[in-house]
Amino acid sequence: MSQAQAKILQEKAEMFERRAESATDPISKQHYKEMAAHYRSLAVEHLEVHRDEPAH
């Protein structure tokens, strides 16, 4: 995965955050918050993994 892919994951997390904010029912709101958290953790994991790699 590249830096660009981590950025995409971050953007998906933000999109789900916005959906959570605009959701009217609590079930959808919770679902979107969980999706946002999932994408955010994937992005963070990715960045941590690649920080330790030597530059190519």
Protein backbone atom coordinates (compact mmCIF):
# COMPACT_ATOMS: atom_id res chain seq x y z
CA MET A 1 0.00 0.00 0.00
CA SER A 2 1.23 3.49 -0.80
CA GLN A 3 0.93 6.87 0.85
CA ALA A 4 -1.83 7.62 -1.67
CA GLN A 5 -3.79 4.58 -0.54
CA ALA A 6 -3.50 5.67 3.09
CA LYS A 7 -4.91 9.04 2.03
CA ILE A 8 -7.84 7.28 0.34
CA LEU A 9 -8.53 5.33 3.55
CA GLN A 10 -8.44 8.61 5.49
CA GLU A 11 -10.88 10.19 3.02
CA LYS A 12 -13.25 7.24 3.37
CA ALA A 13 -13.10 7.62 7.15
CA GLU A 14 -14.01 11.31 6.80
CA MET A 15 -16.86 10.47 4.42
CA PHE A 16 -18.31 8.01 6.95
CA GLU A 17 -17.90 10.59 9.73
CA ARG A 18 -19.98 13.04 7.69
CA ARG A 19 -22.61 10.37 7.06
CA ALA A 20 -22.70 9.61 10.80
CA GLU A 21 -23.26 13.30 11.54
CA SER A 22 -26.15 13.53 9.08
CA ALA A 23 -27.76 10.18 9.93
CA THR A 24 -31.09 10.55 11.67
CA ASP A 25 -31.49 7.09 13.17
CA PRO A 26 -29.11 5.81 15.87
CA ILE A 27 -28.43 2.48 14.13
CA SER A 28 -27.16 4.15 10.95
CA LYS A 29 -25.24 6.71 12.99
CA GLN A 30 -23.49 3.92 14.92
CA HIS A 31 -22.77 1.95 11.76
CA TYR A 32 -21.16 4.93 10.03
CA LYS A 33 -19.11 5.76 13.12
CA GLU A 34 -17.82 2.16 13.20
CA MET A 35 -16.97 2.28 9.49
CA ALA A 36 -15.12 5.58 9.99
CA ALA A 37 -13.15 4.11 12.90
CA HIS A 38 -12.33 1.02 10.81
CA TYR A 39 -10.95 3.03 7.90
CA ARG A 40 -9.08 5.36 10.22
CA SER A 41 -7.36 2.44 11.97
CA LEU A 42 -6.44 0.88 8.60
CA ALA A 43 -4.87 4.16 7.51
CA VAL A 44 -2.93 4.50 10.78
CA GLU A 45 -1.74 0.87 10.62
CA HIS A 46 -0.61 1.41 7.07
CA LEU A 47 1.34 4.55 7.89
CA GLU A 48 3.03 2.86 10.87
CA VAL A 49 4.04 -0.17 8.79
CA HIS A 50 5.58 1.94 6.05
CA ARG A 51 7.36 4.39 8.33
CA ASP A 52 9.88 1.68 9.24
CA GLU A 53 10.64 0.73 5.63
CA PRO A 54 13.74 2.14 3.94
CA ALA A 55 13.06 4.66 1.18
CA HIS A 56 13.07 3.06 -2.28
